[in-house]
Each structure stands twice: as C-alpha cells, then as structure tokens.
C-alpha cells in the first residue's frame, strides 16, 4: 500500500506534478490479527530500515511503536 498527498496539480517546466509520496505500508497476516509495517520509503519497508515509522495492528488499530 502506498499513500500519496494530492493538493492541486502544479505545472513545473512542462511537467504536471500530481502528488507527493507520504507513506508505504506492508501487510503481515497473523493467526488472530493483521499487522502493517509503516515506512517513509516505498522501496525499503522493514523494521531495520532507517525509514521505519512503526507498526499498526488491525485487531483494534492499536499503534505499537
């Protein structure tokens, strides 16, 4: 999953900027719940990464880190 912030389309030297990347998430299914790893990088989504933000658990959407 990737999340983008889109405010307005901005023209910049014949390019149209449509949005800015904010966060990426990777889903891990467990027996009783689902965890999501949240990262500031779409390429490196791991808990060991310097772009690691935290973990979200789907049971009651509890922020773990």
N, C-alpha and C. Protein backbone atom coordinates (compact mmCIF):
# COMPACT_ATOMS: atom_id res chain seq x y z
N UNK A 1 0.84 -1.17 0.00
CA UNK A 1 0.00 0.00 0.00
C UNK A 1 0.89 1.23 0.00
N UNK A 2 0.50 2.22 -0.77
CA UNK A 2 1.22 3.48 -0.80
C UNK A 2 0.22 4.61 -0.63
N UNK A 3 0.61 5.65 0.09
CA UNK A 3 -0.25 6.80 0.35
C UNK A 3 0.37 8.04 -0.27
N UNK A 4 -0.41 8.77 -1.03
CA UNK A 4 0.05 10.00 -1.66
C UNK A 4 -0.79 11.17 -1.18
N UNK A 5 -0.16 12.32 -1.04
CA UNK A 5 -0.86 13.56 -0.72
C UNK A 5 -1.05 14.33 -2.02
N UNK A 6 -2.29 14.63 -2.35
CA UNK A 6 -2.57 15.37 -3.57
C UNK A 6 -3.30 16.65 -3.19
N UNK A 7 -2.64 17.78 -3.35
CA UNK A 7 -3.25 19.07 -3.03
C UNK A 7 -3.87 19.67 -4.29
N UNK A 8 -3.06 20.06 -5.22
CA UNK A 8 -3.50 20.59 -6.51
C UNK A 8 -2.50 20.15 -7.55
N UNK A 9 -2.94 20.05 -8.80
CA UNK A 9 -1.99 19.77 -9.86
C UNK A 9 -1.16 21.02 -10.09
N UNK A 10 0.16 20.88 -10.12
CA UNK A 10 1.06 22.00 -10.28
C UNK A 10 1.88 21.78 -11.53
N UNK A 11 1.96 22.78 -12.38
CA UNK A 11 2.76 22.69 -13.59
C UNK A 11 4.16 23.21 -13.28
N UNK A 12 5.18 22.41 -13.65
CA UNK A 12 6.57 22.78 -13.37
C UNK A 12 7.41 22.36 -14.57
N UNK A 13 7.80 23.32 -15.43
CA UNK A 13 8.62 23.05 -16.61
C UNK A 13 8.03 21.93 -17.47
N UNK A 14 6.82 22.12 -17.91
CA UNK A 14 6.10 21.17 -18.78
C UNK A 14 5.81 19.83 -18.12
N UNK A 15 5.94 19.72 -16.82
CA UNK A 15 5.56 18.51 -16.10
C UNK A 15 4.37 18.86 -15.21
N UNK A 16 3.47 17.93 -15.05
CA UNK A 16 2.37 18.14 -14.12
C UNK A 16 2.62 17.25 -12.92
N UNK A 17 2.82 17.88 -11.77
CA UNK A 17 3.05 17.14 -10.53
C UNK A 17 1.70 16.80 -9.93
N UNK A 18 1.40 15.53 -9.79
CA UNK A 18 0.07 15.11 -9.38
C UNK A 18 -0.02 14.74 -7.91
N UNK A 19 1.07 14.53 -7.24
CA UNK A 19 1.00 14.17 -5.83
C UNK A 19 2.38 13.95 -5.26
N UNK A 20 2.46 13.91 -3.93
CA UNK A 20 3.73 13.70 -3.25
C UNK A 20 3.60 12.45 -2.39
N UNK A 21 4.57 11.55 -2.50
CA UNK A 21 4.56 10.31 -1.73
C UNK A 21 4.71 10.62 -0.24
N UNK A 22 3.89 9.99 0.59
CA UNK A 22 3.95 10.20 2.03
C UNK A 22 4.43 8.95 2.77
N UNK A 23 3.70 7.86 2.64
CA UNK A 23 3.97 6.65 3.41
C UNK A 23 3.75 5.41 2.57
N UNK A 24 4.37 4.31 2.99
CA UNK A 24 4.11 2.99 2.42
C UNK A 24 3.84 2.04 3.57
N UNK A 25 3.05 1.01 3.30
CA UNK A 25 2.73 0.02 4.33
C UNK A 25 2.79 -1.37 3.72
N UNK A 26 3.22 -2.32 4.53
CA UNK A 26 3.26 -3.72 4.11
C UNK A 26 2.45 -4.53 5.12
N UNK A 27 1.57 -5.38 4.61
CA UNK A 27 0.68 -6.15 5.47
C UNK A 27 1.29 -7.51 5.81
N UNK A 28 1.19 -7.89 7.10
CA UNK A 28 1.61 -9.20 7.57
C UNK A 28 0.42 -9.83 8.29
N UNK A 29 -0.08 -10.94 7.76
CA UNK A 29 -1.23 -11.60 8.39
C UNK A 29 -0.75 -12.55 9.48
N UNK A 30 -1.40 -12.48 10.61
CA UNK A 30 -1.13 -13.36 11.75
C UNK A 30 -2.37 -14.23 11.97
N UNK A 31 -2.30 -15.14 12.93
CA UNK A 31 -3.43 -16.03 13.21
C UNK A 31 -4.66 -15.27 13.71
N UNK A 32 -4.46 -14.29 14.59
CA UNK A 32 -5.58 -13.58 15.20
C UNK A 32 -5.71 -12.13 14.75
N UNK A 33 -4.75 -11.63 14.00
CA UNK A 33 -4.79 -10.22 13.62
C UNK A 33 -3.93 -10.00 12.38
N UNK A 34 -3.91 -8.78 11.91
CA UNK A 34 -3.07 -8.37 10.79
C UNK A 34 -2.23 -7.19 11.24
N UNK A 35 -0.92 -7.24 10.96
CA UNK A 35 -0.01 -6.14 11.28
C UNK A 35 0.37 -5.42 9.99
N UNK A 36 0.58 -4.13 10.09
CA UNK A 36 1.06 -3.31 8.98
C UNK A 36 2.34 -2.63 9.42
N UNK A 37 3.41 -2.79 8.64
CA UNK A 37 4.66 -2.07 8.85
C UNK A 37 4.54 -0.76 8.07
N UNK A 38 4.74 0.37 8.73
CA UNK A 38 4.62 1.69 8.12
C UNK A 38 6.02 2.26 7.92
N UNK A 39 6.29 2.78 6.71
CA UNK A 39 7.61 3.28 6.37
C UNK A 39 7.50 4.55 5.55
N UNK A 40 8.55 5.39 5.60
CA UNK A 40 8.62 6.58 4.77
C UNK A 40 9.21 6.27 3.40
N UNK A 41 9.60 5.02 3.14
CA UNK A 41 10.19 4.62 1.87
C UNK A 41 9.37 3.50 1.25
N UNK A 42 9.08 3.61 -0.03
CA UNK A 42 8.35 2.55 -0.72
C UNK A 42 9.26 1.39 -1.10
N UNK A 43 10.56 1.64 -1.18
CA UNK A 43 11.50 0.61 -1.59
C UNK A 43 11.98 -0.26 -0.43
N UNK A 44 12.11 0.31 0.76
CA UNK A 44 12.68 -0.42 1.90
C UNK A 44 11.68 -0.41 3.06
N UNK A 45 10.80 -1.39 3.07
CA UNK A 45 9.79 -1.48 4.13
C UNK A 45 10.20 -2.62 5.07
N UNK A 46 10.98 -2.28 6.07
CA UNK A 46 11.40 -3.27 7.07
C UNK A 46 11.61 -2.57 8.40
N UNK A 47 11.53 -3.33 9.48
CA UNK A 47 11.71 -2.76 10.81
C UNK A 47 13.15 -2.32 11.06
N UNK A 48 14.10 -2.85 10.31
CA UNK A 48 15.51 -2.50 10.49
C UNK A 48 15.90 -1.25 9.72
N UNK A 49 15.03 -0.76 8.85
CA UNK A 49 15.34 0.38 7.99
C UNK A 49 15.34 1.69 8.78
N UNK A 50 16.11 2.65 8.31
CA UNK A 50 16.12 3.98 8.94
C UNK A 50 14.84 4.75 8.60
N UNK A 51 14.07 4.28 7.63
CA UNK A 51 12.82 4.93 7.25
C UNK A 51 11.61 4.28 7.93
N UNK A 52 11.84 3.32 8.82
CA UNK A 52 10.77 2.64 9.56
C UNK A 52 10.07 3.63 10.47
N UNK A 53 8.72 3.66 10.41
CA UNK A 53 7.96 4.59 11.25
C UNK A 53 7.30 3.87 12.41
N UNK A 54 6.74 2.69 12.17
CA UNK A 54 6.07 1.97 13.24
C UNK A 54 5.24 0.83 12.71
N UNK A 55 4.45 0.25 13.59
CA UNK A 55 3.62 -0.90 13.25
C UNK A 55 2.19 -0.64 13.72
N UNK A 56 1.23 -1.02 12.89
CA UNK A 56 -0.18 -0.86 13.22
C UNK A 56 -0.81 -2.25 13.25
N UNK A 57 -1.57 -2.54 14.28
CA UNK A 57 -2.23 -3.84 14.41
C UNK A 57 -3.72 -3.67 14.13
N UNK A 58 -4.28 -4.54 13.28
CA UNK A 58 -5.64 -4.38 12.81
C UNK A 58 -6.71 -4.81 13.81
N UNK A 59 -6.41 -5.57 14.83
CA UNK A 59 -7.42 -6.06 15.77
C UNK A 59 -8.26 -4.90 16.29
N UNK A 60 -7.62 -3.90 16.83
CA UNK A 60 -8.34 -2.71 17.29
C UNK A 60 -7.60 -1.44 16.85
N UNK A 61 -6.77 -1.56 15.81
CA UNK A 61 -5.97 -0.47 15.27
C UNK A 61 -5.14 0.19 16.36
N UNK A 62 -4.39 -0.62 17.04
CA UNK A 62 -3.51 -0.17 18.12
C UNK A 62 -2.14 0.17 17.54
N UNK A 63 -1.64 1.36 17.82
CA UNK A 63 -0.30 1.77 17.38
C UNK A 63 0.72 1.14 18.30
N UNK A 64 1.63 0.31 17.75
CA UNK A 64 2.53 -0.48 18.57
C UNK A 64 3.85 0.19 18.86
N UNK A 65 4.38 0.99 17.96
CA UNK A 65 5.70 1.61 18.19
C UNK A 65 5.58 3.10 18.23
